PDB file of all heavy atoms in Angstrom:
ATOM      1  N   HIS A   1       8.569 -21.942 -68.778  1.00  0.00           N
ATOM      2  CA  HIS A   1       7.683 -21.142 -67.877  1.00  0.00           C
ATOM      3  C   HIS A   1       7.826 -19.698 -68.159  1.00  0.00           C
ATOM      4  O   HIS A   1       8.916 -19.132 -68.135  1.00  0.00           O
ATOM      5  CB  HIS A   1       8.054 -21.425 -66.379  1.00  0.00           C
ATOM      6  CG  HIS A   1       7.109 -20.730 -65.416  1.00  0.00           C
ATOM      7  ND1 HIS A   1       5.831 -21.140 -65.168  1.00  0.00           N
ATOM      8  CD2 HIS A   1       7.338 -19.643 -64.652  1.00  0.00           C
ATOM      9  CE1 HIS A   1       5.256 -20.322 -64.314  1.00  0.00           C
ATOM     10  NE2 HIS A   1       6.137 -19.430 -63.980  1.00  0.00           N
ATOM     11  N   GLY A   2       6.675 -19.092 -68.483  1.00  0.00           N
ATOM     12  CA  GLY A   2       6.735 -17.633 -68.792  1.00  0.00           C
ATOM     13  C   GLY A   2       7.594 -17.257 -69.937  1.00  0.00           C
ATOM     14  O   GLY A   2       8.170 -16.154 -69.920  1.00  0.00           O
ATOM     15  N   GLY A   3       7.748 -18.173 -70.903  1.00  0.00           N
ATOM     16  CA  GLY A   3       8.617 -17.891 -72.047  1.00  0.00           C
ATOM     17  C   GLY A   3      10.077 -18.176 -71.839  1.00  0.00           C
ATOM     18  O   GLY A   3      10.886 -18.021 -72.737  1.00  0.00           O
ATOM     19  N   HIS A   4      10.408 -18.652 -70.637  1.00  0.00           N
ATOM     20  CA  HIS A   4      11.792 -19.018 -70.279  1.00  0.00           C
ATOM     21  C   HIS A   4      11.981 -20.505 -70.310  1.00  0.00           C
ATOM     22  O   HIS A   4      11.048 -21.308 -70.127  1.00  0.00           O
ATOM     23  CB  HIS A   4      12.128 -18.579 -68.875  1.00  0.00           C
ATOM     24  CG  HIS A   4      12.262 -17.096 -68.715  1.00  0.00           C
ATOM     25  ND1 HIS A   4      13.425 -16.390 -68.863  1.00  0.00           N
ATOM     26  CD2 HIS A   4      11.290 -16.140 -68.455  1.00  0.00           C
ATOM     27  CE1 HIS A   4      13.234 -15.064 -68.657  1.00  0.00           C
ATOM     28  NE2 HIS A   4      11.928 -14.921 -68.376  1.00  0.00           N
ATOM     29  N   TYR A   5      13.218 -20.906 -70.592  1.00  0.00           N
ATOM     30  CA  TYR A   5      13.629 -22.331 -70.381  1.00  0.00           C
ATOM     31  C   TYR A   5      13.706 -22.577 -68.920  1.00  0.00           C
ATOM     32  O   TYR A   5      14.511 -21.960 -68.263  1.00  0.00           O
ATOM     33  CB  TYR A   5      14.896 -22.634 -71.129  1.00  0.00           C
ATOM     34  CG  TYR A   5      15.413 -24.034 -70.919  1.00  0.00           C
ATOM     35  CD1 TYR A   5      14.792 -25.173 -71.505  1.00  0.00           C
ATOM     36  CD2 TYR A   5      16.540 -24.329 -70.122  1.00  0.00           C
ATOM     37  CE1 TYR A   5      15.215 -26.404 -71.301  1.00  0.00           C
ATOM     38  CE2 TYR A   5      17.014 -25.605 -69.904  1.00  0.00           C
ATOM     39  CZ  TYR A   5      16.317 -26.667 -70.510  1.00  0.00           C
ATOM     40  OH  TYR A   5      16.777 -27.926 -70.310  1.00  0.00           O
ATOM     41  N   ALA A   6      12.838 -23.442 -68.392  1.00  0.00           N
ATOM     42  CA  ALA A   6      12.833 -23.601 -66.953  1.00  0.00           C
ATOM     43  C   ALA A   6      12.379 -25.023 -66.590  1.00  0.00           C
ATOM     44  O   ALA A   6      11.235 -25.229 -66.105  1.00  0.00           O
ATOM     45  CB  ALA A   6      11.886 -22.558 -66.306  1.00  0.00           C
ATOM     46  N   PRO A   7      13.198 -26.006 -66.800  1.00  0.00           N
ATOM     47  CA  PRO A   7      12.861 -27.381 -66.440  1.00  0.00           C
ATOM     48  C   PRO A   7      12.809 -27.513 -64.927  1.00  0.00           C
ATOM     49  O   PRO A   7      13.480 -26.801 -64.164  1.00  0.00           O
ATOM     50  CB  PRO A   7      14.033 -28.236 -66.989  1.00  0.00           C
ATOM     51  CG  PRO A   7      15.123 -27.330 -67.034  1.00  0.00           C
ATOM     52  CD  PRO A   7      14.594 -25.956 -67.356  1.00  0.00           C
ATOM     53  N   GLY A   8      11.989 -28.426 -64.478  1.00  0.00           N
ATOM     54  CA  GLY A   8      11.862 -28.703 -62.993  1.00  0.00           C
ATOM     55  C   GLY A   8      13.187 -29.252 -62.438  1.00  0.00           C
ATOM     56  O   GLY A   8      14.081 -29.677 -63.193  1.00  0.00           O
ATOM     57  N   PRO A   9      13.300 -29.239 -61.100  1.00  0.00           N
ATOM     58  CA  PRO A   9      14.512 -29.752 -60.481  1.00  0.00           C
ATOM     59  C   PRO A   9      14.703 -31.250 -60.791  1.00  0.00           C
ATOM     60  O   PRO A   9      13.806 -32.015 -60.764  1.00  0.00           O
ATOM     61  CB  PRO A   9      14.272 -29.585 -58.992  1.00  0.00           C
ATOM     62  CG  PRO A   9      12.788 -29.445 -58.816  1.00  0.00           C
ATOM     63  CD  PRO A   9      12.307 -28.797 -60.137  1.00  0.00           C
ATOM     64  N   ASN A  10      15.934 -31.582 -61.220  1.00  0.00           N
ATOM     65  CA  ASN A  10      16.302 -32.973 -61.590  1.00  0.00           C
ATOM     66  C   ASN A  10      15.274 -33.504 -62.601  1.00  0.00           C
ATOM     67  O   ASN A  10      14.771 -34.624 -62.423  1.00  0.00           O
ATOM     68  CB  ASN A  10      16.407 -33.881 -60.377  1.00  0.00           C
ATOM     69  CG  ASN A  10      17.510 -33.341 -59.391  1.00  0.00           C
ATOM     70  OD1 ASN A  10      18.552 -32.952 -59.834  1.00  0.00           O
ATOM     71  ND2 ASN A  10      17.186 -33.331 -58.118  1.00  0.00           N
ATOM     72  N   ALA A  11      15.044 -32.753 -63.617  1.00  0.00           N
ATOM     73  CA  ALA A  11      14.005 -33.116 -64.637  1.00  0.00           C
ATOM     74  C   ALA A  11      14.332 -34.431 -65.272  1.00  0.00           C
ATOM     75  O   ALA A  11      15.525 -34.767 -65.513  1.00  0.00           O
ATOM     76  CB  ALA A  11      13.960 -32.001 -65.656  1.00  0.00           C
ATOM     77  N   GLN A  12      13.290 -35.083 -65.694  1.00  0.00           N
ATOM     78  CA  GLN A  12      13.437 -36.373 -66.434  1.00  0.00           C
ATOM     79  C   GLN A  12      14.032 -36.096 -67.810  1.00  0.00           C
ATOM     80  O   GLN A  12      13.567 -35.241 -68.526  1.00  0.00           O
ATOM     81  CB  GLN A  12      12.053 -37.026 -66.615  1.00  0.00           C
ATOM     82  CG  GLN A  12      12.029 -38.281 -67.407  1.00  0.00           C
ATOM     83  CD  GLN A  12      12.567 -39.445 -66.662  1.00  0.00           C
ATOM     84  OE1 GLN A  12      12.384 -39.594 -65.498  1.00  0.00           O
ATOM     85  NE2 GLN A  12      13.274 -40.359 -67.397  1.00  0.00           N
ATOM     86  N   LEU A  13      15.121 -36.777 -68.150  1.00  0.00           N
ATOM     87  CA  LEU A  13      15.718 -36.600 -69.422  1.00  0.00           C
ATOM     88  C   LEU A  13      15.161 -37.531 -70.496  1.00  0.00           C
ATOM     89  O   LEU A  13      14.646 -38.614 -70.159  1.00  0.00           O
ATOM     90  CB  LEU A  13      17.190 -36.739 -69.363  1.00  0.00           C
ATOM     91  CG  LEU A  13      17.998 -35.719 -68.566  1.00  0.00           C
ATOM     92  CD1 LEU A  13      19.531 -36.002 -68.551  1.00  0.00           C
ATOM     93  CD2 LEU A  13      17.821 -34.349 -69.098  1.00  0.00           C
ATOM     94  N   ALA A  14      15.196 -37.052 -71.732  1.00  0.00           N
ATOM     95  CA  ALA A  14      14.782 -37.910 -72.858  1.00  0.00           C
ATOM     96  C   ALA A  14      15.724 -39.126 -72.920  1.00  0.00           C
ATOM     97  O   ALA A  14      16.896 -39.056 -72.601  1.00  0.00           O
ATOM     98  CB  ALA A  14      14.884 -37.140 -74.172  1.00  0.00           C
ATOM     99  N   ALA A  15      15.180 -40.254 -73.351  1.00  0.00           N
ATOM    100  CA  ALA A  15      15.952 -41.504 -73.426  1.00  0.00           C
ATOM    101  C   ALA A  15      17.195 -41.446 -74.238  1.00  0.00           C
ATOM    102  O   ALA A  15      18.143 -42.154 -73.948  1.00  0.00           O
ATOM    103  CB  ALA A  15      15.044 -42.610 -73.846  1.00  0.00           C
ATOM    104  N   PHE A  16      17.241 -40.598 -75.221  1.00  0.00           N
ATOM    105  CA  PHE A  16      18.408 -40.497 -76.147  1.00  0.00           C
ATOM    106  C   PHE A  16      19.527 -39.758 -75.570  1.00  0.00           C
ATOM    107  O   PHE A  16      20.599 -39.660 -76.148  1.00  0.00           O
ATOM    108  CB  PHE A  16      18.006 -39.958 -77.488  1.00  0.00           C
ATOM    109  CG  PHE A  16      17.252 -38.671 -77.480  1.00  0.00           C
ATOM    110  CD1 PHE A  16      17.776 -37.465 -77.018  1.00  0.00           C
ATOM    111  CD2 PHE A  16      15.898 -38.654 -77.847  1.00  0.00           C
ATOM    112  CE1 PHE A  16      17.063 -36.283 -76.966  1.00  0.00           C
ATOM    113  CE2 PHE A  16      15.149 -37.443 -77.797  1.00  0.00           C
ATOM    114  CZ  PHE A  16      15.730 -36.299 -77.395  1.00  0.00           C
ATOM    115  N   SER A  17      19.312 -39.068 -74.411  1.00  0.00           N
ATOM    116  CA  SER A  17      20.370 -38.218 -73.828  1.00  0.00           C
ATOM    117  C   SER A  17      21.642 -39.088 -73.394  1.00  0.00           C
ATOM    118  O   SER A  17      21.507 -40.234 -73.048  1.00  0.00           O
ATOM    119  CB  SER A  17      19.860 -37.516 -72.546  1.00  0.00           C
ATOM    120  OG  SER A  17      18.827 -36.592 -72.883  1.00  0.00           O
ATOM    121  N   VAL A  18      22.756 -38.477 -73.558  1.00  0.00           N
ATOM    122  CA  VAL A  18      23.992 -39.187 -73.191  1.00  0.00           C
ATOM    123  C   VAL A  18      23.987 -39.332 -71.665  1.00  0.00           C
ATOM    124  O   VAL A  18      23.574 -38.445 -70.899  1.00  0.00           O
ATOM    125  CB  VAL A  18      25.251 -38.397 -73.644  1.00  0.00           C
ATOM    126  CG1 VAL A  18      25.347 -37.028 -72.942  1.00  0.00           C
ATOM    127  CG2 VAL A  18      26.552 -39.153 -73.498  1.00  0.00           C
ATOM    128  N   PRO A  19      24.432 -40.491 -71.114  1.00  0.00           N
ATOM    129  CA  PRO A  19      24.558 -40.599 -69.652  1.00  0.00           C
ATOM    130  C   PRO A  19      25.526 -39.532 -69.098  1.00  0.00           C
ATOM    131  O   PRO A  19      26.482 -39.109 -69.809  1.00  0.00           O
ATOM    132  CB  PRO A  19      25.169 -42.011 -69.518  1.00  0.00           C
ATOM    133  CG  PRO A  19      24.833 -42.765 -70.726  1.00  0.00           C
ATOM    134  CD  PRO A  19      24.820 -41.705 -71.838  1.00  0.00           C
ATOM    135  N   ALA A  20      25.317 -39.162 -67.851  1.00  0.00           N
ATOM    136  CA  ALA A  20      26.097 -38.047 -67.273  1.00  0.00           C
ATOM    137  C   ALA A  20      27.585 -38.229 -67.294  1.00  0.00           C
ATOM    138  O   ALA A  20      28.342 -37.301 -67.539  1.00  0.00           O
ATOM    139  CB  ALA A  20      25.649 -37.853 -65.797  1.00  0.00           C
ATOM    140  N   GLU A  21      28.034 -39.463 -67.161  1.00  0.00           N
ATOM    141  CA  GLU A  21      29.498 -39.744 -67.211  1.00  0.00           C
ATOM    142  C   GLU A  21      29.871 -40.352 -68.601  1.00  0.00           C
ATOM    143  O   GLU A  21      31.056 -40.568 -68.882  1.00  0.00           O
ATOM    144  CB  GLU A  21      29.905 -40.675 -66.123  1.00  0.00           C
ATOM    145  CG  GLU A  21      29.672 -40.029 -64.736  1.00  0.00           C
ATOM    146  CD  GLU A  21      30.209 -40.850 -63.547  1.00  0.00           C
ATOM    147  OE1 GLU A  21      31.131 -41.611 -63.801  1.00  0.00           O
ATOM    148  OE2 GLU A  21      29.694 -40.667 -62.418  1.00  0.00           O
ATOM    149  N   GLY A  22      28.908 -40.591 -69.437  1.00  0.00           N
ATOM    150  CA  GLY A  22      29.113 -41.202 -70.761  1.00  0.00           C
ATOM    151  C   GLY A  22      29.913 -40.319 -71.705  1.00  0.00           C
ATOM    152  O   GLY A  22      30.752 -40.793 -72.491  1.00  0.00           O
ATOM    153  N   TYR A  23      29.602 -39.000 -71.667  1.00  0.00           N
ATOM    154  CA  TYR A  23      30.321 -38.076 -72.582  1.00  0.00           C
ATOM    155  C   TYR A  23      31.800 -38.076 -72.239  1.00  0.00           C
ATOM    156  O   TYR A  23      32.634 -38.049 -73.149  1.00  0.00           O
ATOM    157  CB  TYR A  23      29.692 -36.702 -72.402  1.00  0.00           C
ATOM    158  CG  TYR A  23      30.367 -35.645 -73.321  1.00  0.00           C
ATOM    159  CD1 TYR A  23      30.382 -35.830 -74.668  1.00  0.00           C
ATOM    160  CD2 TYR A  23      30.938 -34.494 -72.808  1.00  0.00           C
ATOM    161  CE1 TYR A  23      30.896 -34.866 -75.528  1.00  0.00           C
ATOM    162  CE2 TYR A  23      31.488 -33.563 -73.612  1.00  0.00           C
ATOM    163  CZ  TYR A  23      31.505 -33.712 -74.993  1.00  0.00           C
ATOM    164  OH  TYR A  23      32.053 -32.798 -75.822  1.00  0.00           O
ATOM    165  N   GLY A  24      32.132 -38.119 -70.946  1.00  0.00           N
ATOM    166  CA  GLY A  24      33.539 -38.142 -70.559  1.00  0.00           C
ATOM    167  C   GLY A  24      34.298 -39.374 -71.071  1.00  0.00           C
ATOM    168  O   GLY A  24      35.425 -39.311 -71.534  1.00  0.00           O
ATOM    169  N   LYS A  25      33.646 -40.520 -70.977  1.00  0.00           N
ATOM    170  CA  LYS A  25      34.231 -41.794 -71.494  1.00  0.00           C
ATOM    171  C   LYS A  25      34.373 -41.667 -73.011  1.00  0.00           C
ATOM    172  O   LYS A  25      35.454 -42.016 -73.507  1.00  0.00           O
ATOM    173  CB  LYS A  25      33.313 -42.950 -71.176  1.00  0.00           C
ATOM    174  CG  LYS A  25      33.875 -44.264 -71.830  1.00  0.00           C
ATOM    175  CD  LYS A  25      33.155 -45.498 -71.379  1.00  0.00           C
ATOM    176  CE  LYS A  25      33.591 -46.687 -72.190  1.00  0.00           C
ATOM    177  NZ  LYS A  25      35.060 -46.856 -72.346  1.00  0.00           N
ATOM    178  N   PHE A  26      33.424 -41.143 -73.710  1.00  0.00           N
ATOM    179  CA  PHE A  26      33.494 -41.068 -75.129  1.00  0.00           C
ATOM    180  C   PHE A  26      34.695 -40.199 -75.589  1.00  0.00           C
ATOM    181  O   PHE A  26      35.489 -40.620 -76.375  1.00  0.00           O
ATOM    182  CB  PHE A  26      32.190 -40.486 -75.701  1.00  0.00           C
ATOM    183  CG  PHE A  26      32.150 -40.344 -77.189  1.00  0.00           C
ATOM    184  CD1 PHE A  26      31.739 -41.370 -78.009  1.00  0.00           C
ATOM    185  CD2 PHE A  26      32.597 -39.118 -77.835  1.00  0.00           C
ATOM    186  CE1 PHE A  26      31.700 -41.263 -79.433  1.00  0.00           C
ATOM    187  CE2 PHE A  26      32.550 -39.017 -79.213  1.00  0.00           C
ATOM    188  CZ  PHE A  26      32.140 -40.055 -79.984  1.00  0.00           C
ATOM    189  N   ILE A  27      34.784 -38.998 -75.006  1.00  0.00           N
ATOM    190  CA  ILE A  27      35.834 -38.039 -75.397  1.00  0.00           C
ATOM    191  C   ILE A  27      37.230 -38.555 -75.008  1.00  0.00           C
ATOM    192  O   ILE A  27      38.162 -38.412 -75.841  1.00  0.00           O
ATOM    193  CB  ILE A  27      35.567 -36.675 -74.816  1.00  0.00           C
ATOM    194  CG1 ILE A  27      34.299 -36.054 -75.446  1.00  0.00           C
ATOM    195  CG2 ILE A  27      36.764 -35.723 -75.048  1.00  0.00           C
ATOM    196  CD1 ILE A  27      34.331 -35.807 -76.948  1.00  0.00           C
ATOM    197  N   THR A  28      37.348 -39.173 -73.870  1.00  0.00           N
ATOM    198  CA  THR A  28      38.687 -39.712 -73.495  1.00  0.00           C
ATOM    199  C   THR A  28      39.114 -40.853 -74.374  1.00  0.00           C
ATOM    200  O   THR A  28      40.226 -41.058 -74.694  1.00  0.00           O
ATOM    201  CB  THR A  28      38.729 -40.081 -71.950  1.00  0.00           C
ATOM    202  OG1 THR A  28      37.656 -40.996 -71.685  1.00  0.00           O
ATOM    203  CG2 THR A  28      38.637 -38.848 -71.088  1.00  0.00           C
ATOM    204  N   ASP A  29      38.094 -41.668 -74.765  1.00  0.00           N
ATOM    205  CA  ASP A  29      38.359 -42.775 -75.699  1.00  0.00           C
ATOM    206  C   ASP A  29      38.805 -42.192 -77.073  1.00  0.00           C
ATOM    207  O   ASP A  29      39.722 -42.722 -77.737  1.00  0.00           O
ATOM    208  CB  ASP A  29      37.166 -43.662 -75.902  1.00  0.00           C
ATOM    209  CG  ASP A  29      36.923 -44.599 -74.696  1.00  0.00           C
ATOM    210  OD1 ASP A  29      37.776 -44.648 -73.819  1.00  0.00           O
ATOM    211  OD2 ASP A  29      35.868 -45.213 -74.588  1.00  0.00           O
ATOM    212  N   ILE A  30      38.154 -41.108 -77.482  1.00  0.00           N
ATOM    213  CA  ILE A  30      38.538 -40.433 -78.736  1.00  0.00           C
ATOM    214  C   ILE A  30      39.960 -39.890 -78.616  1.00  0.00           C
ATOM    215  O   ILE A  30      40.779 -40.048 -79.553  1.00  0.00           O
ATOM    216  CB  ILE A  30      37.568 -39.289 -79.060  1.00  0.00           C
ATOM    217  CG1 ILE A  30      36.193 -39.763 -79.423  1.00  0.00           C
ATOM    218  CG2 ILE A  30      38.088 -38.347 -80.127  1.00  0.00           C
ATOM    219  CD1 ILE A  30      36.071 -40.431 -80.837  1.00  0.00           C
ATOM    220  N   PHE A  31      40.290 -39.277 -77.520  1.00  0.00           N
ATOM    221  CA  PHE A  31      41.615 -38.756 -77.281  1.00  0.00           C
ATOM    222  C   PHE A  31      42.685 -39.834 -77.372  1.00  0.00           C
ATOM    223  O   PHE A  31      43.720 -39.684 -78.088  1.00  0.00           O
ATOM    224  CB  PHE A  31      41.670 -38.097 -75.930  1.00  0.00           C
ATOM    225  CG  PHE A  31      42.948 -37.231 -75.638  1.00  0.00           C
ATOM    226  CD1 PHE A  31      43.146 -36.043 -76.278  1.00  0.00           C
ATOM    227  CD2 PHE A  31      43.872 -37.718 -74.748  1.00  0.00           C
ATOM    228  CE1 PHE A  31      44.293 -35.306 -76.054  1.00  0.00           C
ATOM    229  CE2 PHE A  31      45.035 -37.003 -74.475  1.00  0.00           C
ATOM    230  CZ  PHE A  31      45.227 -35.770 -75.110  1.00  0.00           C
ATOM    231  N   ASN A  32      42.428 -40.983 -76.733  1.00  0.00           N
ATOM    232  CA  ASN A  32      43.358 -42.102 -76.736  1.00  0.00           C
ATOM    233  C   ASN A  32      43.535 -42.621 -78.155  1.00  0.00           C
ATOM    234  O   ASN A  32      44.600 -42.933 -78.581  1.00  0.00           O
ATOM    235  CB  ASN A  32      42.876 -43.218 -75.853  1.00  0.00           C
ATOM    236  CG  ASN A  32      42.952 -42.802 -74.403  1.00  0.00           C
ATOM    237  OD1 ASN A  32      43.564 -41.835 -73.972  1.00  0.00           O
ATOM    238  ND2 ASN A  32      42.273 -43.625 -73.558  1.00  0.00           N
ATOM    239  N   GLU A  33      42.477 -42.711 -78.924  1.00  0.00           N
ATOM    240  CA  GLU A  33      42.546 -43.252 -80.282  1.00  0.00           C
ATOM    241  C   GLU A  33      43.302 -42.292 -81.196  1.00  0.00           C
ATOM    242  O   GLU A  33      44.070 -42.682 -82.063  1.00  0.00           O
ATOM    243  CB  GLU A  33      41.116 -43.529 -80.841  1.00  0.00           C
ATOM    244  CG  GLU A  33      41.091 -44.489 -82.008  1.00  0.00           C
ATOM    245  CD  GLU A  33      41.596 -45.864 -81.707  1.00  0.00           C
ATOM    246  OE1 GLU A  33      41.737 -46.203 -80.539  1.00  0.00           O
ATOM    247  OE2 GLU A  33      41.916 -46.562 -82.700  1.00  0.00           O
ATOM    248  N   TRP A  34      43.044 -40.990 -81.029  1.00  0.00           N
ATOM    249  CA  TRP A  34      43.749 -39.948 -81.758  1.00  0.00           C
ATOM    250  C   TRP A  34      45.288 -40.072 -81.589  1.00  0.00           C
ATOM    251  O   TRP A  34      46.024 -39.972 -82.546  1.00  0.00           O
ATOM    252  CB  TRP A  34      43.265 -38.571 -81.208  1.00  0.00           C
ATOM    253  CG  TRP A  34      43.710 -37.366 -81.863  1.00  0.00           C
ATOM    254  CD1 TRP A  34      43.638 -37.006 -83.199  1.00  0.00           C
ATOM    255  CD2 TRP A  34      44.299 -36.240 -81.185  1.00  0.00           C
ATOM    256  NE1 TRP A  34      44.151 -35.733 -83.362  1.00  0.00           N
ATOM    257  CE2 TRP A  34      44.535 -35.240 -82.197  1.00  0.00           C
ATOM    258  CE3 TRP A  34      44.561 -35.895 -79.923  1.00  0.00           C
ATOM    259  CZ2 TRP A  34      45.070 -33.950 -81.847  1.00  0.00           C
ATOM    260  CZ3 TRP A  34      45.088 -34.670 -79.567  1.00  0.00           C
ATOM    261  CH2 TRP A  34      45.353 -33.705 -80.573  1.00  0.00           C
ATOM    262  N   ILE A  35      45.683 -40.363 -80.341  1.00  0.00           N
ATOM    263  CA  ILE A  35      47.116 -40.599 -80.047  1.00  0.00           C
ATOM    264  C   ILE A  35      47.573 -41.931 -80.574  1.00  0.00           C
ATOM    265  O   ILE A  35      48.662 -41.964 -81.275  1.00  0.00           O
ATOM    266  CB  ILE A  35      47.373 -40.452 -78.532  1.00  0.00           C
ATOM    267  CG1 ILE A  35      47.053 -39.030 -78.000  1.00  0.00           C
ATOM    268  CG2 ILE A  35      48.786 -40.827 -78.176  1.00  0.00           C
ATOM    269  CD1 ILE A  35      46.989 -38.904 -76.557  1.00  0.00           C
ATOM    270  N   ARG A  36      46.840 -42.939 -80.364  1.00  0.00           N
ATOM    271  CA  ARG A  36      47.247 -44.296 -80.767  1.00  0.00           C
ATOM    272  C   ARG A  36      47.467 -44.409 -82.231  1.00  0.00           C
ATOM    273  O   ARG A  36      48.468 -45.029 -82.722  1.00  0.00           O
ATOM    274  CB  ARG A  36      46.192 -45.307 -80.324  1.00  0.00           C
ATOM    275  CG  ARG A  36      46.593 -46.796 -80.452  1.00  0.00           C
ATOM    276  CD  ARG A  36      45.557 -47.758 -80.120  1.00  0.00           C
ATOM    277  NE  ARG A  36      44.539 -47.811 -81.184  1.00  0.00           N
ATOM    278  CZ  ARG A  36      44.655 -48.470 -82.337  1.00  0.00           C
ATOM    279  NH1 ARG A  36      45.740 -49.141 -82.607  1.00  0.00           N
ATOM    280  NH2 ARG A  36      43.644 -48.470 -83.168  1.00  0.00           N
ATOM    281  N   GLN A  37      46.612 -43.716 -83.015  1.00  0.00           N
ATOM    282  CA  GLN A  37      46.718 -43.795 -84.475  1.00  0.00           C
ATOM    283  C   GLN A  37      47.775 -42.782 -85.066  1.00  0.00           C
ATOM    284  O   GLN A  37      47.893 -42.708 -86.256  1.00  0.00           O
ATOM    285  CB  GLN A  37      45.367 -43.651 -85.140  1.00  0.00           C
ATOM    286  CG  GLN A  37      44.398 -44.786 -84.848  1.00  0.00           C
ATOM    287  CD  GLN A  37      43.279 -44.898 -85.820  1.00  0.00           C
ATOM    288  OE1 GLN A  37      43.370 -44.514 -86.974  1.00  0.00           O
ATOM    289  NE2 GLN A  37      42.174 -45.468 -85.367  1.00  0.00           N
ATOM    290  N   GLY A  38      48.335 -41.995 -84.156  1.00  0.00           N
ATOM    291  CA  GLY A  38      49.322 -41.045 -84.640  1.00  0.00           C
ATOM    292  C   GLY A  38      48.769 -39.882 -85.457  1.00  0.00           C
ATOM    293  O   GLY A  38      49.418 -39.385 -86.340  1.00  0.00           O
TER     294      GLY A  38
END
């Protein structure tokens, strides 16, 4: 809007977007695997 990035409130996300809590699961799983594999 007016040259600014200005999505509406609670804007609809593209289908490929990561779920809101999905990024947390992914990174914590990565952290665990990093440790598990030494």
